[in-house]
Amino acid sequence: QVQLVESGGGLVQAGGSLRLSCAASIGFFTITTMSWYRQAPGKQRELVATITSGGTTNYADSVKGRFTISRDNGKNMVYLQMNSLKPEDTGVYYCNKNPNRRDYWGQGTQVTVSS
């Protein structure tokens, strides 16, 4: 059974840091491109960061230089290190494949950045 479980969110002041984790119970994880997505209140879900099976990364312009995506294939984990957080980073953060699968969305983890 496919399961993606996000954790690590919380309330942080602007300029602070958080590290999100995603435990991925999916087949062929080691060869799967994974991404972090987020959904801000009243907005559509957007792609934040991507990491390929080989470790190549890509970021949305809005987070470039502040966020770092990584993975541990031995543990089926994906991480998102978020530094210099801004209020506009507030939202629910999800991990999923890229391209994403509708049936893979988990509960997400809430990130709230106060000004």
N, C-alpha and C. Protein backbone atom coordinates (compact mmCIF):
# COMPACT_ATOMS: atom_id res chain seq x y z
N GLN A 1 0.84 -1.18 0.00
CA GLN A 1 0.00 0.00 0.00
C GLN A 1 0.88 1.24 0.00
N VAL A 2 0.58 2.14 -0.91
CA VAL A 2 1.36 3.37 -1.02
C VAL A 2 1.02 4.30 0.13
N GLN A 3 2.06 4.87 0.73
CA GLN A 3 1.85 5.82 1.81
C GLN A 3 2.98 6.83 1.83
N LEU A 4 2.61 8.09 1.91
CA LEU A 4 3.57 9.17 2.06
C LEU A 4 3.19 9.93 3.32
N VAL A 5 4.11 9.99 4.27
CA VAL A 5 3.83 10.62 5.56
C VAL A 5 4.80 11.75 5.79
N GLU A 6 4.26 12.96 5.83
CA GLU A 6 5.07 14.16 6.04
C GLU A 6 5.09 14.54 7.52
N SER A 7 6.20 15.11 7.94
CA SER A 7 6.31 15.58 9.32
C SER A 7 7.35 16.69 9.40
N GLY A 8 7.37 17.35 10.55
CA GLY A 8 8.39 18.37 10.78
C GLY A 8 7.92 19.81 10.70
N GLY A 9 6.67 20.00 10.34
CA GLY A 9 6.15 21.36 10.26
C GLY A 9 5.97 21.98 11.62
N GLY A 10 5.59 23.25 11.61
CA GLY A 10 5.36 23.95 12.87
C GLY A 10 5.24 25.43 12.67
N LEU A 11 5.26 26.14 13.79
CA LEU A 11 5.18 27.60 13.78
C LEU A 11 6.59 28.15 14.02
N VAL A 12 7.00 29.05 13.16
CA VAL A 12 8.35 29.62 13.28
C VAL A 12 8.30 31.09 12.91
N GLN A 13 9.19 31.87 13.48
CA GLN A 13 9.26 33.28 13.13
C GLN A 13 9.99 33.47 11.80
N ALA A 14 9.70 34.55 11.16
CA ALA A 14 10.39 34.88 9.91
C ALA A 14 11.90 34.88 10.15
N GLY A 15 12.63 34.28 9.21
CA GLY A 15 14.06 34.15 9.35
C GLY A 15 14.50 32.83 9.96
N GLY A 16 13.55 32.10 10.49
CA GLY A 16 13.86 30.83 11.13
C GLY A 16 13.99 29.68 10.14
N SER A 17 14.17 28.49 10.70
CA SER A 17 14.39 27.29 9.88
C SER A 17 13.51 26.14 10.35
N LEU A 18 13.20 25.27 9.41
CA LEU A 18 12.52 24.02 9.70
C LEU A 18 13.07 22.95 8.77
N ARG A 19 12.99 21.71 9.22
CA ARG A 19 13.37 20.58 8.38
C ARG A 19 12.18 19.63 8.29
N LEU A 20 11.68 19.47 7.08
CA LEU A 20 10.56 18.57 6.85
C LEU A 20 11.08 17.19 6.44
N SER A 21 10.32 16.17 6.82
CA SER A 21 10.67 14.80 6.45
C SER A 21 9.47 14.13 5.79
N CYS A 22 9.76 13.24 4.87
CA CYS A 22 8.72 12.47 4.18
C CYS A 22 9.14 11.01 4.18
N ALA A 23 8.34 10.18 4.83
CA ALA A 23 8.55 8.74 4.81
C ALA A 23 7.73 8.16 3.67
N ALA A 24 8.41 7.54 2.72
CA ALA A 24 7.75 7.11 1.49
C ALA A 24 7.69 5.59 1.42
N SER A 25 6.49 5.07 1.47
CA SER A 25 6.28 3.63 1.27
C SER A 25 5.72 3.44 -0.13
N ILE A 26 6.62 3.50 -1.11
CA ILE A 26 6.21 3.34 -2.51
C ILE A 26 7.21 2.41 -3.18
N GLY A 27 6.72 1.71 -4.19
CA GLY A 27 7.58 0.81 -4.91
C GLY A 27 8.61 1.56 -5.73
N PHE A 28 9.78 0.96 -5.88
CA PHE A 28 10.84 1.51 -6.73
C PHE A 28 11.23 2.93 -6.31
N PHE A 29 11.24 3.17 -5.01
CA PHE A 29 11.55 4.51 -4.51
C PHE A 29 12.89 5.00 -5.02
N THR A 30 13.87 4.12 -5.04
CA THR A 30 15.23 4.56 -5.37
C THR A 30 15.36 5.09 -6.79
N ILE A 31 14.42 4.74 -7.67
CA ILE A 31 14.50 5.23 -9.04
C ILE A 31 13.39 6.24 -9.34
N THR A 32 12.76 6.74 -8.30
CA THR A 32 11.62 7.64 -8.45
C THR A 32 12.03 9.09 -8.17
N THR A 33 11.68 9.97 -9.09
CA THR A 33 11.85 11.40 -8.83
C THR A 33 10.80 11.85 -7.82
N MET A 34 11.26 12.53 -6.79
CA MET A 34 10.37 12.96 -5.71
C MET A 34 10.39 14.49 -5.61
N SER A 35 9.28 15.01 -5.14
CA SER A 35 9.16 16.46 -5.01
C SER A 35 8.44 16.84 -3.72
N TRP A 36 8.69 18.06 -3.31
CA TRP A 36 7.89 18.70 -2.28
C TRP A 36 6.99 19.72 -2.96
N TYR A 37 5.75 19.76 -2.50
CA TYR A 37 4.75 20.70 -2.99
C TYR A 37 4.20 21.45 -1.77
N ARG A 38 3.58 22.59 -2.01
CA ARG A 38 2.93 23.28 -0.91
C ARG A 38 1.66 23.95 -1.41
N GLN A 39 0.75 24.14 -0.46
CA GLN A 39 -0.50 24.82 -0.77
C GLN A 39 -0.75 25.88 0.28
N ALA A 40 -0.72 27.12 -0.15
CA ALA A 40 -0.99 28.24 0.74
C ALA A 40 -2.50 28.44 0.83
N PRO A 41 -2.97 29.07 1.90
CA PRO A 41 -4.41 29.31 2.04
C PRO A 41 -4.98 30.05 0.84
N GLY A 42 -6.03 29.50 0.26
CA GLY A 42 -6.70 30.15 -0.86
C GLY A 42 -5.98 30.05 -2.19
N LYS A 43 -4.90 29.27 -2.24
CA LYS A 43 -4.13 29.16 -3.48
C LYS A 43 -4.03 27.70 -3.92
N GLN A 44 -3.65 27.52 -5.17
CA GLN A 44 -3.45 26.19 -5.69
C GLN A 44 -2.14 25.60 -5.18
N ARG A 45 -2.09 24.28 -5.15
CA ARG A 45 -0.86 23.61 -4.75
C ARG A 45 0.22 23.90 -5.79
N GLU A 46 1.43 24.13 -5.31
CA GLU A 46 2.53 24.46 -6.22
C GLU A 46 3.75 23.59 -5.94
N LEU A 47 4.55 23.41 -6.97
CA LEU A 47 5.78 22.65 -6.85
C LEU A 47 6.86 23.51 -6.20
N VAL A 48 7.53 22.95 -5.20
CA VAL A 48 8.55 23.69 -4.46
C VAL A 48 9.96 23.23 -4.82
N ALA A 49 10.18 21.91 -4.77
CA ALA A 49 11.52 21.38 -4.99
C ALA A 49 11.42 19.94 -5.49
N THR A 50 12.41 19.54 -6.29
CA THR A 50 12.43 18.22 -6.91
C THR A 50 13.82 17.61 -6.78
N ILE A 51 13.86 16.30 -6.59
CA ILE A 51 15.13 15.59 -6.58
C ILE A 51 14.97 14.29 -7.38
N THR A 52 15.88 14.07 -8.30
CA THR A 52 15.84 12.86 -9.10
C THR A 52 16.48 11.70 -8.36
N SER A 53 16.38 10.52 -8.95
CA SER A 53 17.00 9.36 -8.33
C SER A 53 18.51 9.53 -8.23
N GLY A 54 19.08 10.29 -9.14
CA GLY A 54 20.52 10.51 -9.14
C GLY A 54 20.97 11.68 -8.29
N GLY A 55 20.01 12.36 -7.69
CA GLY A 55 20.35 13.46 -6.79
C GLY A 55 20.33 14.84 -7.42
N THR A 56 19.94 14.94 -8.67
CA THR A 56 19.81 16.26 -9.29
C THR A 56 18.62 16.98 -8.70
N THR A 57 18.81 18.25 -8.35
CA THR A 57 17.75 19.01 -7.69
C THR A 57 17.31 20.20 -8.53
N ASN A 58 16.09 20.62 -8.27
CA ASN A 58 15.53 21.79 -8.94
C ASN A 58 14.58 22.47 -7.96
N TYR A 59 14.52 23.80 -8.05
CA TYR A 59 13.74 24.57 -7.08
C TYR A 59 12.89 25.63 -7.77
N ALA A 60 11.77 25.92 -7.14
CA ALA A 60 10.99 27.07 -7.56
C ALA A 60 11.81 28.33 -7.29
N ASP A 61 11.64 29.32 -8.14
CA ASP A 61 12.41 30.56 -7.98
C ASP A 61 12.20 31.18 -6.60
N SER A 62 11.02 31.03 -6.06
CA SER A 62 10.69 31.67 -4.79
C SER A 62 11.45 31.09 -3.61
N VAL A 63 12.00 29.88 -3.75
CA VAL A 63 12.70 29.25 -2.62
C VAL A 63 14.17 29.00 -2.92
N LYS A 64 14.59 29.28 -4.12
CA LYS A 64 15.97 29.01 -4.52
C LYS A 64 16.94 29.75 -3.61
N GLY A 65 17.95 29.02 -3.13
CA GLY A 65 18.94 29.61 -2.25
C GLY A 65 18.56 29.54 -0.78
N ARG A 66 17.31 29.19 -0.48
CA ARG A 66 16.85 29.11 0.91
C ARG A 66 16.48 27.68 1.31
N PHE A 67 15.95 26.91 0.37
CA PHE A 67 15.51 25.54 0.64
C PHE A 67 16.47 24.54 0.01
N THR A 68 16.60 23.39 0.65
CA THR A 68 17.43 22.31 0.11
C THR A 68 16.68 20.99 0.23
N ILE A 69 16.49 20.32 -0.89
CA ILE A 69 15.85 19.01 -0.89
C ILE A 69 16.94 17.93 -0.91
N SER A 70 16.69 16.85 -0.18
CA SER A 70 17.64 15.74 -0.17
C SER A 70 16.86 14.44 0.01
N ARG A 71 17.54 13.33 -0.15
CA ARG A 71 16.89 12.04 -0.01
C ARG A 71 17.87 11.03 0.58
N ASP A 72 17.31 10.03 1.24
CA ASP A 72 18.08 8.89 1.76
C ASP A 72 17.42 7.65 1.20
N ASN A 73 17.99 7.10 0.15
CA ASN A 73 17.37 5.94 -0.50
C ASN A 73 17.38 4.70 0.38
N GLY A 74 18.32 4.62 1.30
CA GLY A 74 18.37 3.48 2.20
C GLY A 74 17.22 3.46 3.19
N LYS A 75 16.67 4.64 3.45
CA LYS A 75 15.58 4.76 4.41
C LYS A 75 14.26 5.15 3.76
N ASN A 76 14.24 5.27 2.44
CA ASN A 76 13.03 5.74 1.73
C ASN A 76 12.51 7.05 2.31
N MET A 77 13.42 8.00 2.47
CA MET A 77 13.07 9.29 3.06
C MET A 77 13.44 10.42 2.11
N VAL A 78 12.63 11.46 2.14
CA VAL A 78 12.92 12.70 1.43
C VAL A 78 12.84 13.83 2.46
N TYR A 79 13.74 14.79 2.35
CA TYR A 79 13.80 15.88 3.32
C TYR A 79 13.73 17.23 2.60
N LEU A 80 13.29 18.23 3.36
CA LEU A 80 13.32 19.60 2.85
C LEU A 80 13.81 20.49 3.98
N GLN A 81 15.04 20.97 3.84
CA GLN A 81 15.60 21.92 4.78
C GLN A 81 15.19 23.32 4.34
N MET A 82 14.52 24.03 5.21
CA MET A 82 14.01 25.36 4.87
C MET A 82 14.65 26.40 5.78
N ASN A 83 15.41 27.29 5.21
CA ASN A 83 16.08 28.35 5.95
C ASN A 83 15.55 29.71 5.52
N SER A 84 15.82 30.71 6.33
CA SER A 84 15.40 32.08 6.03
C SER A 84 13.93 32.13 5.65
N LEU A 85 13.12 31.50 6.44
CA LEU A 85 11.70 31.39 6.12
C LEU A 85 11.02 32.75 6.12
N LYS A 86 10.05 32.88 5.23
CA LYS A 86 9.28 34.11 5.07
C LYS A 86 7.81 33.82 5.32
N PRO A 87 7.04 34.82 5.68
CA PRO A 87 5.58 34.59 5.87
C PRO A 87 4.92 33.97 4.65
N GLU A 88 5.39 34.30 3.47
CA GLU A 88 4.80 33.74 2.24
C GLU A 88 5.12 32.27 2.04
N ASP A 89 5.97 31.70 2.88
CA ASP A 89 6.23 30.26 2.84
C ASP A 89 5.17 29.47 3.60
N THR A 90 4.27 30.15 4.27
CA THR A 90 3.21 29.51 5.03
C THR A 90 2.33 28.66 4.13
N GLY A 91 2.00 27.45 4.61
CA GLY A 91 1.14 26.57 3.85
C GLY A 91 1.27 25.14 4.34
N VAL A 92 0.55 24.26 3.69
CA VAL A 92 0.67 22.83 3.97
C VAL A 92 1.64 22.24 2.94
N TYR A 93 2.62 21.54 3.43
CA TYR A 93 3.67 20.97 2.58
C TYR A 93 3.44 19.47 2.42
N TYR A 94 3.55 19.02 1.17
CA TYR A 94 3.34 17.62 0.82
C TYR A 94 4.53 17.09 0.03
N CYS A 95 4.76 15.80 0.14
CA CYS A 95 5.70 15.17 -0.78
C CYS A 95 4.90 14.26 -1.71
N ASN A 96 5.44 14.02 -2.88
CA ASN A 96 4.80 13.16 -3.86
C ASN A 96 5.81 12.87 -4.95
N LYS A 97 5.45 11.95 -5.82
CA LYS A 97 6.26 11.71 -6.99
C LYS A 97 6.20 12.94 -7.89
N ASN A 98 7.09 12.93 -8.88
CA ASN A 98 7.04 13.95 -9.91
C ASN A 98 7.21 13.25 -11.25
N PRO A 99 6.18 13.23 -12.10
CA PRO A 99 4.87 13.85 -11.94
C PRO A 99 4.09 13.25 -10.76
N ASN A 100 3.28 14.10 -10.12
CA ASN A 100 2.57 13.60 -8.94
C ASN A 100 1.43 12.68 -9.33
N ARG A 101 1.05 11.87 -8.36
CA ARG A 101 -0.10 10.98 -8.52
C ARG A 101 -1.17 11.39 -7.53
N ARG A 102 -2.37 11.54 -8.02
CA ARG A 102 -3.48 12.01 -7.18
C ARG A 102 -3.70 11.08 -6.00
N ASP A 103 -3.51 9.78 -6.19
CA ASP A 103 -3.78 8.82 -5.12
C ASP A 103 -2.62 8.71 -4.14
N TYR A 104 -1.58 9.48 -4.33
CA TYR A 104 -0.42 9.43 -3.43
C TYR A 104 -0.42 10.56 -2.40
N TRP A 105 -1.30 11.54 -2.53
CA TRP A 105 -1.25 12.67 -1.60
C TRP A 105 -1.53 12.22 -0.18
N GLY A 106 -0.66 12.65 0.75
CA GLY A 106 -0.85 12.38 2.15
C GLY A 106 -1.53 13.55 2.84
N GLN A 107 -1.40 13.59 4.15
CA GLN A 107 -2.04 14.65 4.93
C GLN A 107 -1.25 15.95 4.91
N GLY A 108 0.01 15.86 4.59
CA GLY A 108 0.83 17.06 4.58
C GLY A 108 1.23 17.47 5.98
N THR A 109 2.08 18.48 6.05
CA THR A 109 2.50 19.04 7.32
C THR A 109 2.42 20.56 7.25
N GLN A 110 1.82 21.16 8.26
CA GLN A 110 1.55 22.59 8.24
C GLN A 110 2.80 23.38 8.64
N VAL A 111 3.12 24.36 7.83
CA VAL A 111 4.21 25.29 8.14
C VAL A 111 3.60 26.69 8.24
N THR A 112 3.83 27.34 9.37
CA THR A 112 3.33 28.69 9.57
C THR A 112 4.49 29.58 9.95
N VAL A 113 4.68 30.63 9.17
CA VAL A 113 5.78 31.56 9.42
C VAL A 113 5.18 32.90 9.82
N SER A 114 5.49 33.33 11.03
CA SER A 114 4.95 34.59 11.53
C SER A 114 5.93 35.73 11.23
N SER A 115 5.36 36.90 11.01
CA SER A 115 6.20 38.06 10.69
C SER A 115 6.62 38.81 11.94
